[in-house]
N, C-alpha and C. Protein backbone atom coordinates (compact mmCIF):
# COMPACT_ATOMS: atom_id res chain seq x y z
N MET A 1 74.30 86.81 158.52
CA MET A 1 75.22 85.67 158.49
C MET A 1 74.78 84.55 159.36
N ILE A 2 74.30 84.88 160.56
CA ILE A 2 73.75 83.86 161.46
C ILE A 2 72.61 83.18 160.79
N THR A 3 71.78 83.89 160.20
CA THR A 3 70.56 83.37 159.54
C THR A 3 70.99 82.40 158.66
N LEU A 4 71.97 82.66 157.71
CA LEU A 4 72.41 81.71 156.69
C LEU A 4 72.89 80.42 157.32
N ARG A 5 73.68 80.65 158.28
CA ARG A 5 74.21 79.43 159.09
C ARG A 5 73.09 78.56 159.55
N PHE A 6 72.11 79.34 160.31
CA PHE A 6 71.03 78.47 160.76
C PHE A 6 70.26 77.79 159.67
N ARG A 7 69.98 78.44 158.58
CA ARG A 7 69.26 77.78 157.40
C ARG A 7 70.07 76.61 156.85
N PHE A 8 71.39 76.78 156.82
CA PHE A 8 72.17 75.62 156.19
C PHE A 8 72.12 74.45 157.30
N ILE A 9 72.26 74.64 158.50
CA ILE A 9 72.11 73.57 159.47
C ILE A 9 70.61 73.03 159.47
N LEU A 10 69.69 73.75 159.32
CA LEU A 10 68.43 73.27 159.34
C LEU A 10 68.12 72.49 158.05
N SER A 11 68.60 72.94 156.93
CA SER A 11 68.55 72.20 155.65
C SER A 11 69.18 70.89 155.66
N LEU A 12 70.40 70.84 156.30
CA LEU A 12 71.06 69.52 156.41
C LEU A 12 70.34 68.57 157.34
N SER A 13 69.82 69.17 158.38
CA SER A 13 68.96 68.29 159.32
C SER A 13 67.70 67.75 158.60
N LEU A 14 67.01 68.54 157.82
CA LEU A 14 65.90 68.10 157.10
C LEU A 14 66.10 67.07 156.06
N VAL A 15 67.23 67.12 155.34
CA VAL A 15 67.62 66.22 154.43
C VAL A 15 67.90 64.90 155.11
N ALA A 16 68.56 64.78 156.34
CA ALA A 16 68.76 63.69 156.97
C ALA A 16 67.49 63.12 157.44
N LEU A 17 66.49 63.81 157.85
CA LEU A 17 65.31 63.32 158.35
C LEU A 17 64.35 62.79 157.22
N ALA A 18 64.52 63.16 155.95
CA ALA A 18 63.63 62.73 155.02
C ALA A 18 63.47 61.30 154.90
N GLY A 19 64.73 60.54 155.03
CA GLY A 19 64.56 59.04 154.91
C GLY A 19 63.95 58.50 156.15
N LEU A 20 63.74 59.14 157.13
CA LEU A 20 63.28 58.46 158.40
C LEU A 20 61.86 58.56 158.67
N VAL A 21 61.25 59.59 157.89
CA VAL A 21 59.81 59.99 158.14
C VAL A 21 58.90 58.80 157.92
N ALA A 22 59.25 58.06 156.99
CA ALA A 22 58.38 56.99 156.61
C ALA A 22 58.30 55.85 157.73
N ARG A 23 59.33 55.74 158.54
CA ARG A 23 59.38 54.81 159.62
C ARG A 23 58.40 55.33 160.68
N GLY A 24 57.86 54.36 161.45
CA GLY A 24 56.99 54.66 162.61
C GLY A 24 57.84 55.22 163.78
N ALA A 25 57.10 55.86 164.70
CA ALA A 25 57.74 56.40 165.91
C ALA A 25 58.30 55.31 166.77
N GLU A 26 59.47 55.44 167.14
CA GLU A 26 59.98 54.55 168.21
C GLU A 26 59.74 55.03 169.50
N SER A 27 60.20 54.52 170.49
CA SER A 27 60.11 55.12 171.91
C SER A 27 60.64 56.64 171.93
N PHE A 28 59.68 57.42 172.26
CA PHE A 28 60.04 58.86 172.28
C PHE A 28 60.49 59.23 173.75
N ASP A 29 61.62 59.89 173.80
CA ASP A 29 62.06 60.31 175.09
C ASP A 29 61.53 61.75 175.43
N GLN A 30 60.47 61.64 176.26
CA GLN A 30 59.73 62.88 176.75
C GLN A 30 60.59 63.84 177.38
N THR A 31 61.81 63.41 177.90
CA THR A 31 62.59 64.40 178.71
C THR A 31 63.47 65.19 177.87
N ASP A 32 63.50 64.91 176.59
CA ASP A 32 64.38 65.74 175.63
C ASP A 32 65.73 65.87 176.14
N ALA A 33 66.26 64.75 176.68
CA ALA A 33 67.65 64.75 177.22
C ALA A 33 68.67 65.00 176.11
N ARG A 34 68.45 64.52 174.98
CA ARG A 34 69.28 64.63 173.78
C ARG A 34 69.37 66.20 173.43
N PHE A 35 68.21 66.86 173.37
CA PHE A 35 68.17 68.33 173.02
C PHE A 35 68.85 69.07 174.22
N GLY A 36 68.77 68.52 175.42
CA GLY A 36 69.50 69.23 176.54
C GLY A 36 70.90 69.20 176.31
N ARG A 37 71.50 68.08 175.84
CA ARG A 37 72.91 67.90 175.54
C ARG A 37 73.36 68.95 174.55
N VAL A 38 72.44 69.07 173.47
CA VAL A 38 72.77 69.95 172.40
C VAL A 38 72.89 71.47 172.93
N LEU A 39 71.92 71.77 173.67
CA LEU A 39 71.88 73.25 174.34
C LEU A 39 73.12 73.38 175.13
N THR A 40 73.44 72.46 176.03
CA THR A 40 74.63 72.51 176.94
C THR A 40 75.97 72.66 176.12
N ALA A 41 76.07 71.96 174.96
CA ALA A 41 77.23 71.96 174.20
C ALA A 41 77.37 73.25 173.36
N PHE A 42 76.29 73.74 172.83
CA PHE A 42 76.32 74.88 171.96
C PHE A 42 75.87 76.19 172.20
N VAL A 43 75.24 76.30 173.26
CA VAL A 43 74.69 77.58 173.82
C VAL A 43 75.44 77.93 175.17
N LYS A 44 75.96 79.21 175.09
CA LYS A 44 76.58 79.67 176.31
C LYS A 44 76.16 81.19 176.47
N ASN A 45 75.60 81.56 177.66
CA ASN A 45 75.20 82.90 177.88
C ASN A 45 74.21 83.42 176.84
N ALA A 46 73.26 82.50 176.51
CA ALA A 46 72.19 82.72 175.50
C ALA A 46 72.68 83.07 174.10
N ASN A 47 73.98 82.62 173.83
CA ASN A 47 74.46 82.77 172.52
C ASN A 47 74.80 81.38 171.93
N VAL A 48 74.27 81.10 170.67
CA VAL A 48 74.57 79.84 169.94
C VAL A 48 75.91 79.91 169.34
N ASP A 49 76.71 79.00 169.48
CA ASP A 49 77.87 78.83 168.75
C ASP A 49 77.83 78.02 167.44
N TYR A 50 77.35 78.83 166.43
CA TYR A 50 76.88 78.15 165.09
C TYR A 50 78.07 77.43 164.48
N ALA A 51 79.27 78.12 164.56
CA ALA A 51 80.39 77.48 163.91
C ALA A 51 80.67 76.06 164.56
N LYS A 52 80.65 75.93 165.90
CA LYS A 52 80.83 74.75 166.51
C LYS A 52 79.51 73.69 166.13
N LEU A 53 78.40 74.24 166.11
CA LEU A 53 77.38 73.34 165.75
C LEU A 53 77.49 72.90 164.40
N LYS A 54 77.80 73.78 163.53
CA LYS A 54 78.01 73.39 162.06
C LYS A 54 79.02 72.36 161.90
N ALA A 55 80.11 72.46 162.65
CA ALA A 55 81.15 71.48 162.61
C ALA A 55 80.88 70.06 163.13
N ASP A 56 79.95 70.08 164.17
CA ASP A 56 79.44 68.82 164.87
C ASP A 56 78.02 68.88 165.07
N PRO A 57 77.18 68.56 163.97
CA PRO A 57 75.73 68.65 164.15
C PRO A 57 75.15 67.20 164.46
N VAL A 58 75.92 66.27 164.74
CA VAL A 58 75.51 64.81 164.87
C VAL A 58 74.46 64.75 166.09
N GLU A 59 74.62 65.31 167.16
CA GLU A 59 73.62 65.24 168.27
C GLU A 59 72.41 65.92 167.93
N LEU A 60 72.43 67.07 167.32
CA LEU A 60 71.27 67.78 166.92
C LEU A 60 70.44 67.00 165.78
N ASP A 61 71.26 66.43 164.94
CA ASP A 61 70.59 65.73 163.78
C ASP A 61 69.92 64.42 164.41
N ALA A 62 70.40 63.82 165.32
CA ALA A 62 69.91 62.67 165.90
C ALA A 62 68.66 62.96 166.68
N TYR A 63 68.64 64.08 167.44
CA TYR A 63 67.37 64.51 168.03
C TYR A 63 66.26 64.89 167.13
N LEU A 64 66.65 65.64 166.06
CA LEU A 64 65.59 65.91 165.01
C LEU A 64 65.07 64.69 164.35
N GLN A 65 65.87 63.75 164.21
CA GLN A 65 65.43 62.41 163.58
C GLN A 65 64.44 61.71 164.50
N GLU A 66 64.76 61.76 165.74
CA GLU A 66 63.85 61.15 166.81
C GLU A 66 62.45 61.79 166.73
N ILE A 67 62.32 63.09 166.76
CA ILE A 67 61.08 63.72 166.97
C ILE A 67 60.34 63.88 165.69
N ALA A 68 61.09 63.82 164.52
CA ALA A 68 60.35 63.82 163.22
C ALA A 68 59.42 62.71 162.99
N VAL A 69 59.64 61.62 163.62
CA VAL A 69 58.67 60.47 163.29
C VAL A 69 57.66 60.28 164.38
N VAL A 70 57.59 61.25 165.42
CA VAL A 70 56.75 61.05 166.45
C VAL A 70 55.27 61.71 166.05
N PRO A 71 54.24 60.82 166.19
CA PRO A 71 52.93 61.45 165.87
C PRO A 71 52.66 62.51 166.91
N ALA A 72 51.86 63.49 166.54
CA ALA A 72 51.41 64.69 167.39
C ALA A 72 50.90 64.27 168.67
N ALA A 73 49.99 63.10 168.52
CA ALA A 73 49.43 62.67 169.83
C ALA A 73 50.40 62.26 170.87
N GLU A 74 51.62 61.77 170.41
CA GLU A 74 52.59 61.26 171.34
C GLU A 74 53.16 62.45 172.07
N PHE A 75 53.24 63.69 171.50
CA PHE A 75 53.90 64.79 172.18
C PHE A 75 52.94 65.17 173.42
N ALA A 76 51.62 64.88 173.34
CA ALA A 76 50.68 65.38 174.35
C ALA A 76 50.79 64.51 175.68
N ARG A 77 51.46 63.40 175.52
CA ARG A 77 51.47 62.47 176.78
C ARG A 77 52.28 63.06 177.88
């Protein structure tokens, strides 16, 4: 069941990213602060609250959109 939820969330995120891939990379936040906020909000004691994440995927989607358009060379900086 968790796997299905994860696949659903990942699928939604990938669909949201599809329209942004063609755009160039904007300023990439190397601190991953947005992802840190996602982890803080949805992970407690090494357990992911998938129901809560499914209900409010906005922050995760935004983070995935940011990194989807970053060239691989930019990650190495």
